Amino acid sequence: MKLLMKRLVLVVSLCVASVTALFSAPPPKPKLVLAIVIDQFRYDYLLRFRKDYNSGLARLLERGAVYTDAHYIHSLTVTAIGHSTFLSGATPSMSGIIGNEWYERSTKSTVTSVSDPQTKLINPIAGREGSSPRRLMVTTVGDELKSQGADSKIIGVSIKDRSAILPAGHMADGAYWYDNDTNTWVTSTFYRADLPEWVKKINAEEPYKRSIGAKWLPFDAKGDSAKPFCTMVAGSDLRFCGTIEATPWGNEMIEEFAERAIAGENLGHHGSTDILAVSFSSNDYVGHAVGPDDPSVRDISIRTDRLLGKLFDYADRMVGAGNTLVILTADHGVAPVPEVNQERKLPGGRLNDFALPQKVNAALSKKYGPAKWVAGGNETNLYLNQEQIAKLKLDPAEVERVAADAIAAEPHIARVYTRHDLASGNVQRDPIGNAMSLQFFGPRSGDLFVLQDPYYLSGATGTTHGTPYNYDTHVPVIFMGAGIKPATYARRIAPNDIAPTLSTILGVNEPGGSVGHVLTELVP
């Protein structure tokens, strides 16, 4: 009898536990999401400089869910596309953001991903054209959050306008970026008629003046014993850093602005989750100038680690420990400097005579007669003169093929796709062919799409990015915060998976153009 009673009690207890688990309340949503992008931060920077990290990046690696094999799935890995992907989950084929800039056939001019003649810039120089997310064809997580009637605040911050605007989305309460012409933080009339008082106060403090005449010394330098990486003194024997964006002081200004945004907008204290999207731009400016193997890249990575720790600590103080969800990624990686690769006996070089528009024009003029055959674009996305093609009643697909063959004959050209190839799906079904297809957006894309061999660059100095090769696509993806179990995941994912995962955590619809998948291991 006693044994029977014990079993009965055990069965009842298990039933009660099961019912309790079934009907228990879901974990509370975060009060604040810190959505962070480090511009041009390859995944391997987490590994190469790991022993140097003891603050924000260290905290993410130790307390976060770390994905070690996250790769972009589109082909043109550049800033605007990476930032538009971050909180939309969309590829360029869905979002319409096909580059940092592109040729617009209707106006016969080059536009940027966020240029908007319907807006004005709000800063000391009146009348300048502003920027907005109007060219973004899809929604973001913030848009979906606001669309359901939440009283959330959505703010975007970066030195670059596209990096502040695109993650924040259409319904953002504000996006702020740095205007180097006036050395002030600005926004546009798309968001508001005037800068808020807390931004005006920052501008009045003139934080940029801290860098005037300064030298960028290594983080761990002892006094003036180390050689500076560069200086803000024009005419010096040292390398001139250029503008403040290309120095650690640029990132410091971004972090300080993010703190002031948390306080000024009372983030983390509304009825629904607030989102602060922060993009650290200076890493990109530095990386372009010197390449991933230069000591200054290690140095700015260490400094970024310290700034992230400072921002995390501030958020905890203002919002309360455990109330912030942090998501970190990068918009793209970067190629090694060709000369460094050559010293290592590795592939790579510079395409010094990479004047593809001229070569296309010469080939088409030879076959069809002299004309201006290239209307616009750049070396990787060329737009042909459709009016001339129509005037001569030519077959556009044939003209594209003649032009493509001329490009393919050049050295170190890996592939050339035409508009008709991509529109009809006539591409190799491998990762590169798929990436090119996901890059194509008919209303905006050009007629010829060029991919050079791995490690070959068209620039005369420094390095760049923008290919579907691993050194450009492999980036960090880390979630950290309440309800996120520290773990390392080696399975292949894409940054496109961030937006649907965050949407699930917040309990809102996935953005309409998202092609990502929910990282189910993160969802309670």
Protein backbone atom coordinates (compact mmCIF):
# COMPACT_ATOMS: atom_id res chain seq x y z
CA MET A 1 0.00 0.00 0.00
CA LYS A 2 2.80 2.41 0.92
CA LEU A 3 4.56 1.59 -2.35
CA LEU A 4 1.34 2.27 -4.25
CA MET A 5 0.89 5.63 -2.49
CA LYS A 6 4.46 6.64 -3.30
CA ARG A 7 3.93 5.83 -6.94
CA LEU A 8 0.66 7.75 -6.95
CA VAL A 9 2.34 10.79 -5.40
CA LEU A 10 5.14 10.57 -7.96
CA VAL A 11 2.66 10.40 -10.84
CA VAL A 12 0.70 13.38 -9.50
CA SER A 13 3.89 15.37 -9.00
CA LEU A 14 5.01 14.69 -12.56
CA CYS A 15 1.60 15.70 -13.90
CA VAL A 16 1.64 18.92 -11.91
CA ALA A 17 5.17 19.69 -13.11
CA SER A 18 4.16 19.05 -16.71
CA VAL A 19 1.07 21.25 -16.46
CA THR A 20 3.09 23.99 -14.75
CA ALA A 21 5.73 23.91 -17.48
CA LEU A 22 3.04 23.92 -20.16
CA PHE A 23 1.23 26.96 -18.84
CA SER A 24 4.10 28.88 -17.23
CA ALA A 25 4.68 32.41 -18.42
CA PRO A 26 7.28 32.90 -21.17
CA PRO A 27 10.51 34.57 -20.13
CA PRO A 28 10.25 38.37 -19.99
CA LYS A 29 11.26 40.22 -23.13
CA PRO A 30 14.38 42.37 -22.97
CA LYS A 31 13.82 46.02 -22.17
CA LEU A 32 16.58 47.08 -24.56
CA VAL A 33 18.18 45.48 -27.60
CA LEU A 34 21.69 46.67 -28.40
CA ALA A 35 22.06 45.74 -32.07
CA ILE A 36 25.74 46.25 -32.84
CA VAL A 37 27.66 46.12 -36.11
CA ILE A 38 31.42 46.47 -36.30
CA ASP A 39 32.18 47.71 -39.80
CA GLN A 40 34.77 45.46 -41.53
CA PHE A 41 35.35 42.98 -38.73
CA ARG A 42 36.30 39.53 -39.98
CA TYR A 43 35.39 36.56 -37.81
CA ASP A 44 39.05 35.61 -37.43
CA TYR A 45 39.71 38.86 -35.53
CA LEU A 46 37.92 37.21 -32.61
CA LEU A 47 40.46 34.39 -32.72
CA ARG A 48 43.66 36.21 -33.66
CA PHE A 49 43.37 38.85 -30.96
CA ARG A 50 41.48 36.81 -28.34
CA LYS A 51 44.18 37.08 -25.67
CA ASP A 52 44.03 40.86 -25.97
CA TYR A 53 40.31 41.07 -25.22
CA ASN A 54 39.23 41.49 -21.61
CA SER A 55 36.08 43.60 -21.85
CA GLY A 56 33.11 43.70 -24.25
CA LEU A 57 34.24 41.18 -26.85
CA ALA A 58 35.54 38.89 -24.09
CA ARG A 59 32.17 39.10 -22.36
CA LEU A 60 30.36 38.20 -25.59
CA LEU A 61 32.64 35.23 -26.21
CA GLU A 62 32.31 33.96 -22.65
CA ARG A 63 28.64 34.69 -21.95
CA GLY A 64 27.10 34.67 -25.40
CA ALA A 65 25.83 32.23 -27.99
CA VAL A 66 28.65 32.37 -30.52
CA TYR A 67 28.25 31.24 -34.12
CA THR A 68 31.62 30.40 -35.62
CA ASP A 69 30.52 29.81 -39.22
CA ALA A 70 28.26 32.73 -40.18
CA HIS A 71 28.55 33.84 -43.81
CA TYR A 72 26.71 36.36 -45.96
CA ILE A 73 24.89 34.72 -48.85
CA HIS A 74 24.84 37.67 -51.30
CA SER A 75 27.77 38.49 -53.56
CA LEU A 76 28.54 42.19 -53.07
CA THR A 77 29.69 42.33 -49.47
CA VAL A 78 29.64 46.06 -48.75
CA THR A 79 28.45 48.32 -45.95
CA ALA A 80 24.97 49.27 -47.12
CA ILE A 81 23.96 45.71 -47.94
CA GLY A 82 25.33 44.27 -44.70
CA HIS A 83 23.51 46.89 -42.64
CA SER A 84 20.26 46.46 -44.56
CA THR A 85 20.47 42.70 -44.01
CA PHE A 86 21.12 42.96 -40.26
CA LEU A 87 17.61 43.67 -38.98
CA SER A 88 15.60 42.87 -42.11
CA GLY A 89 16.93 39.40 -42.90
CA ALA A 90 16.60 40.28 -46.59
CA THR A 91 19.02 39.81 -49.47
CA PRO A 92 19.54 42.58 -52.07
CA SER A 93 17.15 40.71 -54.37
CA MET A 94 14.42 41.46 -51.82
CA SER A 95 15.54 44.68 -50.14
CA GLY A 96 16.52 46.62 -53.25
CA ILE A 97 19.73 47.73 -51.53
CA ILE A 98 22.18 46.53 -54.18
CA GLY A 99 25.22 48.51 -53.06
CA ASN A 100 26.47 51.57 -51.29
CA GLU A 101 25.49 53.40 -54.48
CA TRP A 102 24.23 52.59 -57.95
CA TYR A 103 23.28 54.17 -61.27
CA GLU A 104 19.65 55.22 -61.51
CA ARG A 105 18.41 54.95 -65.07
CA SER A 106 15.39 57.23 -64.58
CA THR A 107 17.50 60.21 -63.50
CA LYS A 108 20.70 59.17 -65.33
CA SER A 109 22.67 59.79 -62.15
CA THR A 110 24.37 57.92 -59.33
CA VAL A 111 22.38 57.62 -56.11
CA THR A 112 23.38 56.24 -52.73
CA SER A 113 21.51 53.63 -50.74
CA VAL A 114 20.02 56.33 -48.49
CA SER A 115 20.13 59.54 -50.54
CA ASP A 116 16.75 61.25 -50.58
CA PRO A 117 16.09 64.54 -52.40
CA GLN A 118 12.74 64.79 -50.58
CA THR A 119 14.55 65.45 -47.30
CA LYS A 120 16.95 68.04 -45.94
CA LEU A 121 19.90 67.55 -43.66
CA ILE A 122 19.45 69.03 -40.21
CA ASN A 123 22.78 70.60 -39.35
CA PRO A 124 24.46 74.05 -39.37
CA ILE A 125 24.60 74.20 -43.19
CA ALA A 126 21.02 74.68 -44.34
CA GLY A 127 19.61 73.39 -47.59
CA ARG A 128 21.71 70.28 -48.11
CA GLU A 129 19.99 67.09 -49.27
CA GLY A 130 19.23 64.64 -46.49
CA SER A 131 19.09 60.87 -46.21
CA SER A 132 16.38 58.35 -45.38
CA PRO A 133 15.46 54.65 -45.59
CA ARG A 134 13.04 55.19 -48.51
CA ARG A 135 15.13 53.10 -50.92
CA LEU A 136 14.88 50.12 -48.55
CA MET A 137 12.05 48.00 -50.01
CA VAL A 138 11.44 45.83 -46.93
CA THR A 139 10.72 46.20 -43.23
CA THR A 140 13.02 45.75 -40.26
CA VAL A 141 12.41 44.20 -36.84
CA GLY A 142 11.92 47.72 -35.49
CA ASP A 143 9.29 48.42 -38.14
CA GLU A 144 7.42 45.26 -37.22
CA LEU A 145 7.64 46.13 -33.54
CA LYS A 146 6.23 49.62 -34.11
CA SER A 147 3.59 48.34 -36.54
CA GLN A 148 1.96 46.24 -33.84
CA GLY A 149 1.35 49.39 -31.80
CA ALA A 150 4.26 49.04 -29.40
CA ASP A 151 5.46 52.22 -27.70
CA SER A 152 9.05 51.17 -28.37
CA LYS A 153 11.72 53.63 -29.42
CA ILE A 154 14.03 52.71 -32.29
CA ILE A 155 17.27 54.67 -32.71
CA GLY A 156 20.19 54.22 -35.14
CA VAL A 157 23.70 55.61 -34.57
CA SER A 158 26.86 55.56 -36.70
CA ILE A 159 29.40 57.80 -38.36
CA LYS A 160 28.03 56.69 -41.76
CA ASP A 161 24.49 57.69 -42.73
CA ARG A 162 23.68 54.32 -44.33
CA SER A 163 24.91 52.48 -41.24
CA ALA A 164 22.66 54.49 -38.92
CA ILE A 165 19.61 54.48 -41.18
CA LEU A 166 19.26 51.01 -42.69
CA PRO A 167 19.21 48.87 -39.50
CA ALA A 168 16.80 51.30 -37.80
CA GLY A 169 14.23 51.06 -40.59
CA HIS A 170 11.35 53.20 -41.80
CA MET A 171 9.53 53.85 -38.52
CA ALA A 172 12.59 54.71 -36.44
CA ASP A 173 12.32 57.55 -33.95
CA GLY A 174 15.69 58.81 -35.10
CA ALA A 175 18.88 58.00 -36.98
CA TYR A 176 22.00 60.05 -36.37
CA TRP A 177 25.29 60.15 -38.22
CA TYR A 178 28.42 62.31 -38.31
CA ASP A 179 28.87 65.07 -40.85
CA ASN A 180 32.58 65.60 -41.41
CA ASP A 181 32.04 68.94 -43.20
CA THR A 182 30.61 70.55 -40.08
CA ASN A 183 32.03 68.19 -37.42
CA THR A 184 28.55 67.71 -36.01
CA TRP A 185 26.05 64.92 -35.46
CA VAL A 186 23.15 65.27 -37.88
CA THR A 187 19.86 63.73 -38.95
CA SER A 188 17.33 64.57 -41.66
CA THR A 189 13.83 65.95 -41.94
CA PHE A 190 12.61 62.41 -42.64
CA TYR A 191 12.73 61.87 -38.88
CA ARG A 192 12.13 65.26 -37.30
CA ALA A 193 12.19 69.02 -37.85
CA ASP A 194 15.06 69.74 -35.49
CA LEU A 195 17.76 67.96 -33.51
CA PRO A 196 16.73 66.94 -29.99
CA GLU A 197 18.28 68.92 -27.18
CA TRP A 198 20.56 66.11 -26.07
CA VAL A 199 22.13 65.97 -29.57
CA LYS A 200 22.51 69.75 -29.67
CA LYS A 201 24.33 69.55 -26.37
CA ILE A 202 26.78 66.99 -27.75
CA ASN A 203 27.48 69.19 -30.78
CA ALA A 204 28.03 72.19 -28.53
CA GLU A 205 30.69 70.21 -26.65
CA GLU A 206 32.65 69.72 -29.93
CA PRO A 207 34.03 66.27 -29.10
CA TYR A 208 35.99 66.14 -32.35
CA LYS A 209 38.47 68.65 -30.96
CA ARG A 210 40.03 65.96 -28.78
CA SER A 211 41.70 64.52 -31.88
CA ILE A 212 43.12 67.74 -33.31
CA GLY A 213 46.91 67.42 -33.45
CA ALA A 214 46.81 64.04 -31.71
CA LYS A 215 48.91 60.95 -32.44
CA TRP A 216 47.43 57.49 -32.54
CA LEU A 217 49.72 55.48 -30.28
CA PRO A 218 49.36 51.73 -29.66
CA PHE A 219 46.88 50.91 -26.91
CA ASP A 220 49.56 49.35 -24.72
CA ALA A 221 52.27 51.94 -25.45
CA LYS A 222 54.34 53.13 -22.52
CA GLY A 223 54.45 56.90 -22.86
CA ASP A 224 55.88 58.04 -26.19
CA SER A 225 58.17 55.04 -26.52
CA ALA A 226 56.15 53.43 -29.32
CA LYS A 227 55.91 54.69 -32.86
CA PRO A 228 52.48 56.18 -33.64
CA PHE A 229 50.35 54.48 -36.27
CA CYS A 230 49.44 57.86 -37.70
CA THR A 231 48.85 61.46 -36.70
CA MET A 232 46.19 64.11 -37.10
CA VAL A 233 48.92 66.67 -37.78
CA ALA A 234 48.96 67.54 -41.49
CA GLY A 235 52.42 67.73 -43.02
CA SER A 236 54.01 65.50 -40.40
CA ASP A 237 56.63 62.88 -41.24
CA LEU A 238 54.19 60.30 -39.92
CA ARG A 239 51.32 58.92 -41.97
CA PHE A 240 48.38 61.32 -41.87
CA CYS A 241 45.36 59.57 -40.38
CA GLY A 242 42.98 61.65 -42.47
CA THR A 243 39.62 62.51 -41.00
CA ILE A 244 38.52 61.50 -37.52
CA GLU A 245 36.55 58.57 -38.97
CA ALA A 246 39.83 56.77 -39.70
CA THR A 247 41.00 56.83 -36.09
CA PRO A 248 39.93 55.23 -32.78
CA TRP A 249 38.53 58.63 -31.76
CA GLY A 250 35.77 58.12 -34.31
CA ASN A 251 34.61 54.96 -32.52
CA GLU A 252 34.91 56.72 -29.16
CA MET A 253 32.53 59.41 -30.40
CA ILE A 254 30.06 56.74 -31.55
CA GLU A 255 30.11 54.98 -28.18
CA GLU A 256 29.66 58.24 -26.29
CA PHE A 257 26.78 59.18 -28.56
CA ALA A 258 25.16 55.78 -27.94
CA GLU A 259 25.33 56.35 -24.18
CA ARG A 260 23.75 59.77 -24.56
CA ALA A 261 21.03 58.26 -26.76
CA ILE A 262 20.16 55.75 -24.02
CA ALA A 263 19.80 58.58 -21.51
CA GLY A 264 18.30 61.19 -23.84
CA GLU A 265 15.64 58.86 -25.25
CA ASN A 266 15.06 57.02 -21.94
CA LEU A 267 15.73 53.74 -23.70
CA GLY A 268 14.83 50.59 -21.82
CA HIS A 269 12.03 52.31 -19.91
CA HIS A 270 9.06 52.05 -22.26
CA GLY A 271 6.20 49.60 -22.28
CA SER A 272 7.80 47.53 -25.05
CA THR A 273 11.35 46.69 -26.02
CA ASP A 274 13.49 49.54 -27.34
CA ILE A 275 16.16 49.00 -30.00
CA LEU A 276 19.42 50.92 -30.25
CA ALA A 277 21.34 50.02 -33.41
CA VAL A 278 24.99 51.07 -33.17
CA SER A 279 27.55 50.70 -35.96
CA PHE A 280 31.24 51.27 -35.26
CA SER A 281 32.63 52.67 -38.50
CA SER A 282 36.27 53.46 -37.76
CA ASN A 283 37.40 49.84 -38.06
CA ASP A 284 36.43 50.00 -41.74
CA TYR A 285 38.30 53.21 -42.51
CA VAL A 286 41.44 51.87 -40.82
CA GLY A 287 41.18 48.46 -42.49
CA HIS A 288 40.83 49.91 -45.98
CA ALA A 289 43.98 51.97 -45.55
CA VAL A 290 46.31 49.29 -44.17
CA GLY A 291 44.74 45.83 -44.50
CA PRO A 292 43.89 43.11 -41.99
CA ASP A 293 47.48 42.20 -41.10
CA ASP A 294 48.63 45.65 -40.04
CA PRO A 295 49.26 46.18 -36.30
CA SER A 296 46.80 49.08 -36.25
CA VAL A 297 43.94 46.66 -37.00
CA ARG A 298 44.83 44.68 -33.89
CA ASP A 299 45.00 47.92 -31.95
CA ILE A 300 41.60 49.24 -33.01
CA SER A 301 40.09 45.80 -32.36
CA ILE A 302 41.40 45.95 -28.78
CA ARG A 303 40.01 49.44 -28.40
CA THR A 304 36.66 48.27 -29.76
CA ASP A 305 36.62 45.56 -27.11
CA ARG A 306 37.06 48.20 -24.40
CA LEU A 307 34.40 50.49 -25.89
CA LEU A 308 31.88 47.66 -26.06
CA GLY A 309 32.52 46.85 -22.41
CA LYS A 310 31.97 50.49 -21.53
CA LEU A 311 28.67 50.54 -23.46
CA PHE A 312 27.46 47.28 -21.90
CA ASP A 313 28.23 48.56 -18.41
CA TYR A 314 26.38 51.79 -19.08
CA ALA A 315 23.33 49.95 -20.40
CA ASP A 316 23.28 47.76 -17.28
CA ARG A 317 23.41 50.81 -15.04
CA MET A 318 20.65 52.62 -16.92
CA VAL A 319 18.35 49.72 -17.75
CA GLY A 320 19.22 47.22 -15.04
CA ALA A 321 21.43 44.16 -15.21
CA GLY A 322 19.89 41.33 -17.20
CA ASN A 323 17.46 43.57 -19.09
CA THR A 324 19.53 44.08 -22.25
CA LEU A 325 19.87 41.72 -25.20
CA VAL A 326 23.07 42.27 -27.17
CA ILE A 327 23.44 41.13 -30.77
CA LEU A 328 26.79 41.61 -32.49
CA THR A 329 27.80 41.06 -36.09
CA ALA A 330 29.80 42.74 -38.88
CA ASP A 331 28.69 43.95 -42.29
CA HIS A 332 31.57 42.30 -44.19
CA GLY A 333 35.16 41.15 -43.93
CA VAL A 334 38.10 42.28 -46.03
CA ALA A 335 40.76 40.94 -48.39
CA PRO A 336 44.45 40.79 -47.49
CA VAL A 337 46.66 43.46 -49.02
CA PRO A 338 47.95 41.86 -52.28
CA GLU A 339 51.57 42.70 -51.55
CA VAL A 340 51.31 40.92 -48.17
CA ASN A 341 49.91 37.84 -49.88
CA GLN A 342 52.69 37.92 -52.45
CA GLU A 343 55.32 38.02 -49.69
CA ARG A 344 53.72 34.86 -48.30
CA LYS A 345 53.81 33.22 -51.76
CA LEU A 346 50.04 33.26 -51.82
CA PRO A 347 47.73 34.24 -54.71
CA GLY A 348 46.85 37.86 -55.25
CA GLY A 349 47.68 41.04 -57.08
CA ARG A 350 46.45 44.40 -58.29
CA LEU A 351 44.51 44.88 -61.49
CA ASN A 352 46.24 48.10 -62.44
CA ASP A 353 44.62 48.30 -65.87
CA PHE A 354 41.08 47.50 -64.72
CA ALA A 355 39.29 50.05 -66.93
CA LEU A 356 36.40 47.75 -67.77
CA PRO A 357 33.92 50.44 -68.92
CA GLN A 358 36.41 51.60 -71.53
CA LYS A 359 37.04 48.04 -72.71
CA VAL A 360 33.31 47.36 -73.00
CA ASN A 361 32.80 50.58 -74.92
CA ALA A 362 35.61 49.68 -77.31
CA ALA A 363 34.23 46.18 -77.94
CA LEU A 364 30.68 47.37 -78.57
CA SER A 365 31.83 50.28 -80.73
CA LYS A 366 33.84 47.88 -82.87
CA LYS A 367 30.85 45.60 -83.44
CA TYR A 368 27.94 48.03 -83.57
CA GLY A 369 29.50 51.41 -84.31
CA PRO A 370 30.91 54.25 -82.20
CA ALA A 371 28.73 55.40 -79.31
CA LYS A 372 28.75 55.87 -75.57
CA TRP A 373 27.78 52.29 -74.81
CA VAL A 374 28.25 52.38 -71.04
CA ALA A 375 25.75 54.63 -69.31
CA GLY A 376 27.06 54.31 -65.76
CA GLY A 377 27.93 52.06 -62.86
CA ASN A 378 31.28 50.79 -61.66
CA GLU A 379 33.78 48.04 -62.40
CA THR A 380 31.59 45.28 -60.96
CA ASN A 381 28.09 46.50 -61.96
CA LEU A 382 27.94 48.16 -65.39
CA TYR A 383 24.86 49.72 -66.98
CA LEU A 384 24.65 49.70 -70.77
CA ASN A 385 23.11 52.46 -72.86
CA GLN A 386 19.62 51.04 -73.36
CA GLU A 387 18.56 53.98 -75.51
CA GLN A 388 21.35 53.26 -77.99
CA ILE A 389 20.49 49.55 -78.02
CA ALA A 390 16.84 50.38 -78.74
CA LYS A 391 17.77 52.99 -81.36
CA LEU A 392 19.75 50.40 -83.37
CA LYS A 393 17.08 47.73 -82.71
CA LEU A 394 19.65 45.36 -81.28
CA ASP A 395 19.00 42.28 -79.19
CA PRO A 396 19.87 43.35 -75.60
CA ALA A 397 20.93 39.82 -74.65
CA GLU A 398 23.36 39.70 -77.58
CA VAL A 399 24.83 43.10 -76.71
CA GLU A 400 25.30 41.99 -73.11
CA ARG A 401 27.06 38.81 -74.26
CA VAL A 402 29.47 40.73 -76.53
CA ALA A 403 30.31 43.03 -73.62
CA ALA A 404 30.65 40.11 -71.20
CA ASP A 405 33.04 38.30 -73.54
CA ALA A 406 35.23 41.40 -73.76
CA ILE A 407 35.45 41.54 -69.96
CA ALA A 408 36.03 37.80 -69.58
CA ALA A 409 39.06 38.06 -71.89
CA GLU A 410 40.82 40.28 -69.35
CA PRO A 411 43.26 38.63 -66.92
CA HIS A 412 42.08 37.53 -63.48
CA ILE A 413 38.37 37.75 -64.23
CA ALA A 414 36.69 34.79 -62.54
CA ARG A 415 33.14 35.21 -63.84
CA VAL A 416 30.96 37.64 -65.76
CA TYR A 417 27.18 37.46 -65.56
CA THR A 418 24.69 39.37 -67.68
CA ARG A 419 21.29 40.74 -66.76
CA HIS A 420 19.67 38.09 -68.93
CA ASP A 421 21.70 35.35 -67.21
CA LEU A 422 20.50 36.38 -63.77
CA ALA A 423 16.92 37.21 -64.75
CA SER A 424 16.49 33.80 -66.39
CA GLY A 425 18.40 31.83 -63.74
CA ASN A 426 21.12 30.86 -66.20
CA VAL A 427 23.88 30.64 -63.58
CA GLN A 428 25.98 27.89 -62.04
CA ARG A 429 24.19 26.37 -59.07
CA ASP A 430 27.11 26.71 -56.72
CA PRO A 431 27.57 29.16 -53.82
CA ILE A 432 28.92 31.91 -56.08
CA GLY A 433 26.17 31.53 -58.65
CA ASN A 434 23.57 31.56 -55.89
CA ALA A 435 25.19 34.63 -54.31
CA MET A 436 25.05 36.46 -57.62
CA SER A 437 21.37 35.57 -58.01
CA LEU A 438 20.57 36.82 -54.51
CA GLN A 439 22.37 40.06 -55.37
CA PHE A 440 20.20 40.81 -58.42
CA PHE A 441 17.28 43.23 -58.11
CA GLY A 442 15.83 43.85 -61.57
CA PRO A 443 14.57 47.44 -61.23
CA ARG A 444 17.96 48.70 -60.01
CA SER A 445 20.71 46.29 -61.01
CA GLY A 446 22.90 46.84 -64.04
CA ASP A 447 23.54 44.72 -67.13
CA LEU A 448 26.99 43.24 -66.44
CA PHE A 449 28.24 41.77 -63.17
CA VAL A 450 31.93 41.10 -62.77
CA LEU A 451 33.81 38.97 -60.24
CA GLN A 452 37.58 39.01 -60.17
CA ASP A 453 39.77 36.10 -59.07
CA PRO A 454 40.23 35.67 -55.30
CA TYR A 455 42.72 38.10 -53.73
CA TYR A 456 42.87 40.35 -56.81
CA LEU A 457 41.94 44.00 -56.26
CA SER A 458 41.45 46.98 -58.55
CA GLY A 459 42.71 49.64 -56.14
CA ALA A 460 46.26 50.97 -56.31
CA THR A 461 46.79 50.98 -52.53
CA GLY A 462 45.33 49.48 -49.39
CA THR A 463 42.64 46.84 -49.67
CA THR A 464 38.90 46.41 -50.02
CA HIS A 465 35.98 43.97 -49.89
CA GLY A 466 32.87 43.19 -51.92
CA THR A 467 33.12 39.59 -53.10
CA PRO A 468 31.43 36.28 -52.19
CA TYR A 469 34.79 34.84 -51.13
CA ASN A 470 35.17 33.66 -47.53
CA TYR A 471 37.48 36.46 -46.44
CA ASP A 472 34.64 38.90 -47.22
CA THR A 473 31.63 36.85 -46.12
CA HIS A 474 32.72 35.28 -42.80
CA VAL A 475 31.64 37.48 -39.87
CA PRO A 476 30.77 37.11 -36.18
CA VAL A 477 27.20 36.49 -35.03
CA ILE A 478 26.76 36.54 -31.25
CA PHE A 479 23.68 36.83 -29.01
CA MET A 480 24.12 37.65 -25.33
CA GLY A 481 21.64 38.48 -22.57
CA ALA A 482 18.81 37.19 -20.45
CA GLY A 483 17.59 33.82 -21.68
CA ILE A 484 20.60 33.30 -23.96
CA LYS A 485 22.62 30.27 -22.90
CA PRO A 486 26.38 30.62 -23.39
CA ALA A 487 27.39 28.17 -26.08
CA THR A 488 29.43 27.82 -29.25
CA TYR A 489 27.68 26.69 -32.41
CA ALA A 490 29.72 25.51 -35.38
CA ARG A 491 26.86 25.00 -37.83
CA ARG A 492 26.64 27.18 -40.94
CA ILE A 493 24.27 30.13 -40.61
CA ALA A 494 23.83 33.52 -42.27
CA PRO A 495 23.47 37.00 -40.76
CA ASN A 496 20.04 36.90 -42.41
CA ASP A 497 19.05 34.59 -39.53
CA ILE A 498 19.44 37.39 -36.96
CA ALA A 499 16.23 39.26 -37.83
CA PRO A 500 13.80 36.30 -37.70
CA THR A 501 15.43 35.10 -34.48
CA LEU A 502 15.11 38.50 -32.82
CA SER A 503 11.51 38.76 -34.08
CA THR A 504 10.69 35.47 -32.39
CA ILE A 505 12.32 36.57 -29.14
CA LEU A 506 10.31 39.81 -29.19
CA GLY A 507 7.09 38.13 -30.30
CA VAL A 508 6.55 40.10 -33.51
CA ASN A 509 6.18 39.24 -37.17
CA GLU A 510 9.32 38.51 -39.10
CA PRO A 511 10.24 41.34 -41.50
CA GLY A 512 8.47 40.86 -44.81
CA GLY A 513 11.57 40.32 -46.93
CA SER A 514 13.43 38.04 -44.54
CA VAL A 515 14.93 34.90 -46.07
CA GLY A 516 16.60 33.83 -42.83
CA HIS A 517 15.73 31.06 -40.42
CA VAL A 518 15.05 31.21 -36.69
CA LEU A 519 18.03 30.03 -34.65
CA THR A 520 15.78 27.74 -32.65
CA GLU A 521 18.41 26.85 -30.07
CA LEU A 522 18.24 30.46 -28.83
CA VAL A 523 14.48 30.70 -28.50
CA PRO A 524 13.09 29.65 -25.07
